N, C-alpha and C. Protein backbone atom coordinates (compact mmCIF):
# COMPACT_ATOMS: atom_id res chain seq x y z
N MET A 1 101.23 -144.53 -87.59
CA MET A 1 101.80 -144.91 -88.88
C MET A 1 101.70 -146.43 -89.05
N GLN A 2 101.57 -146.85 -90.27
CA GLN A 2 101.47 -148.26 -90.59
C GLN A 2 102.83 -148.95 -90.32
N PRO A 3 102.78 -150.23 -89.92
CA PRO A 3 104.04 -150.97 -89.76
C PRO A 3 104.79 -151.01 -91.10
N TYR A 4 106.10 -151.09 -91.02
CA TYR A 4 106.90 -151.15 -92.25
C TYR A 4 106.86 -152.54 -92.86
N CYS A 5 106.61 -152.60 -94.14
CA CYS A 5 106.78 -153.83 -94.91
C CYS A 5 106.94 -153.45 -96.38
N ARG A 6 107.56 -154.31 -97.14
CA ARG A 6 107.85 -154.02 -98.54
C ARG A 6 106.57 -153.86 -99.36
N HIS A 7 105.55 -154.64 -99.02
CA HIS A 7 104.30 -154.56 -99.77
C HIS A 7 103.62 -153.20 -99.59
N ARG A 8 103.63 -152.71 -98.36
CA ARG A 8 103.08 -151.38 -98.11
C ARG A 8 103.91 -150.32 -98.83
N ALA A 9 105.22 -150.48 -98.82
CA ALA A 9 106.10 -149.54 -99.50
C ALA A 9 105.80 -149.52 -100.99
N GLU A 10 105.57 -150.69 -101.56
CA GLU A 10 105.24 -150.79 -102.98
C GLU A 10 103.96 -150.02 -103.29
N LYS A 11 102.94 -150.23 -102.48
CA LYS A 11 101.66 -149.55 -102.71
C LYS A 11 101.80 -148.04 -102.50
N ALA A 12 102.59 -147.63 -101.52
CA ALA A 12 102.80 -146.21 -101.26
C ALA A 12 103.48 -145.54 -102.44
N LEU A 13 104.53 -146.16 -102.96
CA LEU A 13 105.24 -145.59 -104.10
C LEU A 13 104.37 -145.59 -105.35
N GLU A 14 103.62 -146.66 -105.57
CA GLU A 14 102.72 -146.71 -106.73
C GLU A 14 101.70 -145.57 -106.67
N SER A 15 101.15 -145.34 -105.50
CA SER A 15 100.18 -144.28 -105.34
C SER A 15 100.82 -142.91 -105.54
N HIS A 16 102.00 -142.73 -104.99
CA HIS A 16 102.70 -141.45 -105.09
C HIS A 16 103.16 -141.16 -106.52
N TRP A 17 103.75 -142.15 -107.17
CA TRP A 17 104.31 -141.95 -108.51
C TRP A 17 103.30 -142.23 -109.63
N GLN A 18 102.19 -142.86 -109.31
CA GLN A 18 101.18 -143.22 -110.30
C GLN A 18 101.75 -144.12 -111.40
N ARG A 19 102.55 -145.09 -110.98
CA ARG A 19 103.11 -146.07 -111.91
C ARG A 19 103.50 -147.31 -111.12
N ALA A 20 103.76 -148.38 -111.85
CA ALA A 20 104.25 -149.60 -111.19
C ALA A 20 105.67 -149.36 -110.70
N VAL A 21 106.01 -149.97 -109.57
CA VAL A 21 107.36 -149.81 -109.03
C VAL A 21 108.08 -151.15 -109.02
N SER A 22 109.38 -151.08 -108.98
CA SER A 22 110.19 -152.29 -108.99
C SER A 22 110.41 -152.79 -107.56
N LEU A 23 110.83 -154.02 -107.46
CA LEU A 23 111.18 -154.61 -106.18
C LEU A 23 112.29 -153.80 -105.53
N LYS A 24 113.25 -153.35 -106.32
CA LYS A 24 114.36 -152.55 -105.80
C LYS A 24 113.85 -151.25 -105.18
N GLU A 25 112.90 -150.60 -105.83
CA GLU A 25 112.38 -149.33 -105.32
C GLU A 25 111.63 -149.52 -104.00
N SER A 26 110.77 -150.50 -103.93
CA SER A 26 110.00 -150.70 -102.69
C SER A 26 110.89 -151.19 -101.56
N THR A 27 111.85 -152.03 -101.88
CA THR A 27 112.78 -152.53 -100.86
C THR A 27 113.65 -151.39 -100.35
N THR A 28 114.09 -150.53 -101.25
CA THR A 28 114.88 -149.37 -100.85
C THR A 28 114.11 -148.51 -99.86
N LEU A 29 112.86 -148.22 -100.17
CA LEU A 29 112.06 -147.37 -99.30
C LEU A 29 111.92 -147.96 -97.91
N VAL A 30 111.49 -149.18 -97.81
CA VAL A 30 111.23 -149.76 -96.48
C VAL A 30 112.53 -150.00 -95.72
N THR A 31 113.59 -150.38 -96.39
CA THR A 31 114.87 -150.61 -95.72
C THR A 31 115.40 -149.32 -95.12
N ALA A 32 115.34 -148.24 -95.88
CA ALA A 32 115.81 -146.95 -95.38
C ALA A 32 114.96 -146.46 -94.22
N LEU A 33 113.65 -146.59 -94.34
CA LEU A 33 112.77 -146.11 -93.27
C LEU A 33 112.93 -146.89 -91.98
N MET A 34 113.35 -148.12 -92.07
CA MET A 34 113.54 -148.94 -90.87
C MET A 34 114.78 -148.51 -90.09
N ASN A 35 115.69 -147.77 -90.74
CA ASN A 35 116.90 -147.33 -90.05
C ASN A 35 117.20 -145.88 -90.45
N PRO A 36 116.33 -144.94 -90.05
CA PRO A 36 116.45 -143.56 -90.52
C PRO A 36 117.66 -142.80 -89.98
N GLN A 37 118.25 -143.27 -88.90
CA GLN A 37 119.39 -142.55 -88.32
C GLN A 37 120.71 -142.86 -89.02
N ALA A 38 120.73 -143.93 -89.80
CA ALA A 38 121.98 -144.32 -90.48
C ALA A 38 122.19 -143.47 -91.73
N SER A 39 123.35 -142.89 -91.84
CA SER A 39 123.63 -142.06 -93.01
C SER A 39 123.60 -142.90 -94.28
N ALA A 40 123.94 -144.17 -94.17
CA ALA A 40 123.91 -145.05 -95.34
C ALA A 40 122.49 -145.18 -95.88
N SER A 41 121.50 -145.13 -95.02
CA SER A 41 120.10 -145.21 -95.46
C SER A 41 119.75 -144.02 -96.34
N HIS A 42 120.25 -142.86 -95.97
CA HIS A 42 119.98 -141.64 -96.74
C HIS A 42 120.64 -141.73 -98.13
N VAL A 43 121.85 -142.21 -98.17
CA VAL A 43 122.57 -142.37 -99.43
C VAL A 43 121.87 -143.41 -100.29
N PHE A 44 121.46 -144.51 -99.68
CA PHE A 44 120.77 -145.60 -100.35
C PHE A 44 119.49 -145.09 -101.02
N LEU A 45 118.72 -144.29 -100.29
CA LEU A 45 117.50 -143.71 -100.84
C LEU A 45 117.78 -142.84 -102.06
N MET A 46 118.75 -141.96 -101.92
CA MET A 46 119.04 -141.02 -103.01
C MET A 46 119.57 -141.76 -104.24
N GLU A 47 120.41 -142.74 -104.05
CA GLU A 47 120.97 -143.48 -105.18
C GLU A 47 119.92 -144.31 -105.91
N ASN A 48 119.02 -144.91 -105.17
CA ASN A 48 118.07 -145.86 -105.76
C ASN A 48 116.73 -145.26 -106.18
N ILE A 49 116.22 -144.31 -105.42
CA ILE A 49 114.91 -143.76 -105.80
C ILE A 49 114.87 -142.23 -105.76
N GLU A 50 116.02 -141.60 -105.62
CA GLU A 50 116.14 -140.14 -105.65
C GLU A 50 115.13 -139.45 -104.75
N MET A 51 115.13 -139.86 -103.49
CA MET A 51 114.19 -139.32 -102.51
C MET A 51 114.95 -139.06 -101.21
N HIS A 52 114.66 -137.94 -100.57
CA HIS A 52 115.24 -137.66 -99.25
C HIS A 52 114.44 -138.39 -98.19
N MET A 53 115.05 -138.61 -97.03
CA MET A 53 114.40 -139.37 -95.96
C MET A 53 113.08 -138.74 -95.54
N SER A 54 113.03 -137.43 -95.39
CA SER A 54 111.79 -136.79 -94.95
C SER A 54 110.68 -136.99 -95.98
N GLN A 55 111.03 -136.91 -97.25
CA GLN A 55 110.04 -137.14 -98.31
C GLN A 55 109.59 -138.60 -98.31
N ALA A 56 110.53 -139.52 -98.14
CA ALA A 56 110.21 -140.95 -98.13
C ALA A 56 109.25 -141.29 -96.99
N ALA A 57 109.53 -140.75 -95.81
CA ALA A 57 108.66 -141.00 -94.66
C ALA A 57 107.27 -140.45 -94.90
N LYS A 58 107.18 -139.27 -95.50
CA LYS A 58 105.88 -138.66 -95.78
C LYS A 58 105.10 -139.49 -96.80
N VAL A 59 105.77 -139.95 -97.84
CA VAL A 59 105.11 -140.77 -98.86
C VAL A 59 104.56 -142.05 -98.23
N TYR A 60 105.38 -142.69 -97.39
CA TYR A 60 104.94 -143.93 -96.75
C TYR A 60 103.76 -143.66 -95.83
N GLU A 61 103.87 -142.63 -95.02
CA GLU A 61 102.82 -142.31 -94.06
C GLU A 61 101.50 -141.98 -94.76
N GLU A 62 101.57 -141.24 -95.86
CA GLU A 62 100.36 -140.81 -96.54
C GLU A 62 99.74 -141.88 -97.44
N HIS A 63 100.55 -142.75 -98.01
CA HIS A 63 100.04 -143.65 -99.05
C HIS A 63 100.07 -145.14 -98.72
N ALA A 64 100.80 -145.55 -97.70
CA ALA A 64 100.87 -146.98 -97.40
C ALA A 64 99.53 -147.47 -96.86
N PRO A 65 99.07 -148.61 -97.33
CA PRO A 65 97.80 -149.15 -96.83
C PRO A 65 97.90 -149.56 -95.36
N TYR A 66 96.78 -149.50 -94.67
CA TYR A 66 96.77 -149.86 -93.25
C TYR A 66 96.76 -151.35 -93.02
N THR A 67 96.29 -152.11 -93.99
CA THR A 67 96.27 -153.56 -93.83
C THR A 67 97.14 -154.22 -94.90
N CYS A 68 97.75 -155.31 -94.53
CA CYS A 68 98.61 -156.06 -95.44
C CYS A 68 98.61 -157.52 -94.98
N HIS A 69 98.81 -158.43 -95.92
CA HIS A 69 98.84 -159.84 -95.54
C HIS A 69 100.03 -160.15 -94.63
N CYS A 70 101.01 -159.28 -94.59
CA CYS A 70 102.16 -159.45 -93.67
C CYS A 70 101.71 -159.40 -92.22
N ASP A 71 100.67 -158.62 -91.94
CA ASP A 71 100.17 -158.50 -90.57
C ASP A 71 99.73 -159.86 -90.04
N GLU A 72 99.05 -160.62 -90.88
CA GLU A 72 98.59 -161.95 -90.48
C GLU A 72 99.77 -162.88 -90.22
N ALA A 73 100.81 -162.77 -91.03
CA ALA A 73 102.00 -163.62 -90.86
C ALA A 73 102.70 -163.32 -89.54
N VAL A 74 102.73 -162.05 -89.15
CA VAL A 74 103.36 -161.66 -87.89
C VAL A 74 102.59 -162.24 -86.72
N VAL A 75 101.27 -162.17 -86.78
CA VAL A 75 100.43 -162.68 -85.71
C VAL A 75 100.61 -164.19 -85.60
N GLU A 76 100.60 -164.87 -86.74
CA GLU A 76 100.76 -166.33 -86.75
C GLU A 76 102.13 -166.76 -86.22
N SER A 77 103.17 -166.03 -86.56
CA SER A 77 104.51 -166.42 -86.13
C SER A 77 104.74 -166.13 -84.65
N SER A 78 103.97 -165.22 -84.07
CA SER A 78 104.14 -164.91 -82.66
C SER A 78 103.25 -165.77 -81.76
N ALA A 79 102.32 -166.52 -82.35
CA ALA A 79 101.45 -167.38 -81.57
C ALA A 79 102.25 -168.58 -81.04
N PRO A 80 101.99 -169.00 -79.80
CA PRO A 80 102.71 -170.15 -79.24
C PRO A 80 102.35 -171.43 -80.01
N MET A 81 103.34 -172.26 -80.17
CA MET A 81 103.14 -173.52 -80.90
C MET A 81 102.58 -174.58 -79.97
N ALA A 82 101.71 -175.39 -80.48
CA ALA A 82 101.13 -176.49 -79.68
C ALA A 82 102.18 -177.56 -79.48
N ALA A 83 102.12 -178.19 -78.32
CA ALA A 83 103.11 -179.23 -78.00
C ALA A 83 102.69 -180.56 -78.54
């Protein structure tokens, strides 16, 4: 599965719903998926995008792009700094 990030969540929801999505919708998806065991995540999903956790995970897995500019930022931030 692709790493979680809001940009991937946005693209996954756009592909699934065939429409533009809001920042709130994409943030809701990735935030909930990052903590699937918390009951609050399930409530958060239903209140904000009317999706169950299993459906949300499937949408992300099937539609999220494999590459994102966030990947480069993670690599750069983990590289040791020159003295």
